[in-house]
Amino acid sequence: MKLDDVYTALTEIFADVFDNAAIAITPETSAADIPGWDSMTHINLVVAVEQHFKIKFKIAEIDRLKNVGDLAGLIAERTGR
């Protein structure tokens, strides 16, 4: 899976978690950019990503994430893609 494919999947996951089919993400997108992205939604997002990509993040990995680009990079790293 290419990084573009990771972003495509993340867009679908974000749309589902935030219940917004029009949501647009970029590598620079962060919690401050999306209304409703609070701590509970963050947990739901992480769980949805883990389920979709069949991976499990460590807490330290999640704590280092600053934006969607960091998340996509971590997914690529953890899945070997």
Protein backbone atom coordinates (compact mmCIF):
# COMPACT_ATOMS: atom_id res chain seq x y z
CA MET A 1 0.00 0.00 0.00
CA LYS A 2 1.36 3.39 -1.00
CA LEU A 3 1.24 6.43 1.26
CA ASP A 4 -1.49 7.85 -1.01
CA ASP A 5 -3.56 4.76 -0.20
CA VAL A 6 -2.99 5.36 3.52
CA TYR A 7 -4.36 8.90 3.11
CA THR A 8 -7.35 7.61 1.14
CA ALA A 9 -8.18 5.16 3.92
CA LEU A 10 -7.60 7.83 6.59
CA THR A 11 -9.99 10.19 4.81
CA GLU A 12 -12.69 7.52 4.96
CA ILE A 13 -11.94 6.80 8.62
CA PHE A 14 -12.03 10.50 9.52
CA ALA A 15 -15.32 10.91 7.65
CA ASP A 16 -16.81 8.04 9.63
CA VAL A 17 -15.45 9.03 13.05
CA PHE A 18 -16.40 12.70 12.65
CA ASP A 19 -19.64 11.87 10.81
CA ASN A 20 -18.69 14.28 8.03
CA ALA A 21 -18.45 12.92 4.49
CA ALA A 22 -17.00 16.22 3.26
CA ILE A 23 -14.03 16.18 5.63
CA ALA A 24 -10.70 16.88 3.96
CA ILE A 25 -7.39 16.01 5.56
CA THR A 26 -3.83 16.92 4.65
CA PRO A 27 -0.53 15.94 6.24
CA GLU A 28 -0.66 19.18 8.24
CA THR A 29 -4.20 18.63 9.60
CA SER A 30 -4.29 18.53 13.39
CA ALA A 31 -6.94 18.41 16.10
CA ALA A 32 -7.11 22.21 16.08
CA ASP A 33 -8.30 22.12 12.46
CA ILE A 34 -11.31 19.83 12.91
CA PRO A 35 -14.28 20.88 15.03
CA GLY A 36 -15.18 18.20 17.54
CA TRP A 37 -11.74 16.59 17.67
CA ASP A 38 -11.52 16.19 21.43
CA SER A 39 -9.91 13.55 23.62
CA MET A 40 -12.79 11.09 23.29
CA THR A 41 -12.94 11.47 19.52
CA HIS A 42 -9.17 11.03 19.42
CA ILE A 43 -9.53 7.66 21.15
CA ASN A 44 -12.28 6.64 18.72
CA LEU A 45 -10.08 7.71 15.81
CA VAL A 46 -7.08 5.72 17.05
CA VAL A 47 -9.21 2.61 17.59
CA ALA A 48 -10.75 2.94 14.11
CA VAL A 49 -7.30 3.31 12.54
CA GLU A 50 -5.96 0.31 14.45
CA GLN A 51 -8.90 -1.82 13.37
CA HIS A 52 -8.74 -0.76 9.74
CA PHE A 53 -5.00 -1.31 9.36
CA LYS A 54 -4.90 -4.29 11.76
CA ILE A 55 -2.18 -2.74 13.89
CA LYS A 56 -1.86 -1.76 17.55
CA PHE A 57 -0.16 1.49 18.53
CA LYS A 58 1.88 1.95 21.68
CA ILE A 59 0.88 4.85 23.93
CA ALA A 60 4.27 6.51 23.35
CA GLU A 61 3.68 6.38 19.59
CA ILE A 62 0.27 8.02 19.94
CA ASP A 63 1.69 10.71 22.23
CA ARG A 64 4.23 11.73 19.55
CA LEU A 65 1.57 12.34 16.89
CA LYS A 66 1.18 16.04 16.07
CA ASN A 67 -0.79 15.85 12.82
CA VAL A 68 -2.24 13.52 10.18
CA GLY A 69 1.12 13.33 8.42
CA ASP A 70 2.68 11.88 11.57
CA LEU A 71 -0.18 9.38 11.80
CA ALA A 72 0.17 8.34 8.15
CA GLY A 73 3.92 7.93 8.58
CA LEU A 74 3.43 5.79 11.67
CA ILE A 75 0.89 3.62 9.86
CA ALA A 76 3.31 3.17 6.95
CA GLU A 77 6.11 2.31 9.37
CA ARG A 78 4.04 -0.15 11.39
CA THR A 79 2.59 -1.90 8.36
CA GLY A 80 5.84 -2.01 6.45
CA ARG A 81 4.38 0.02 3.61
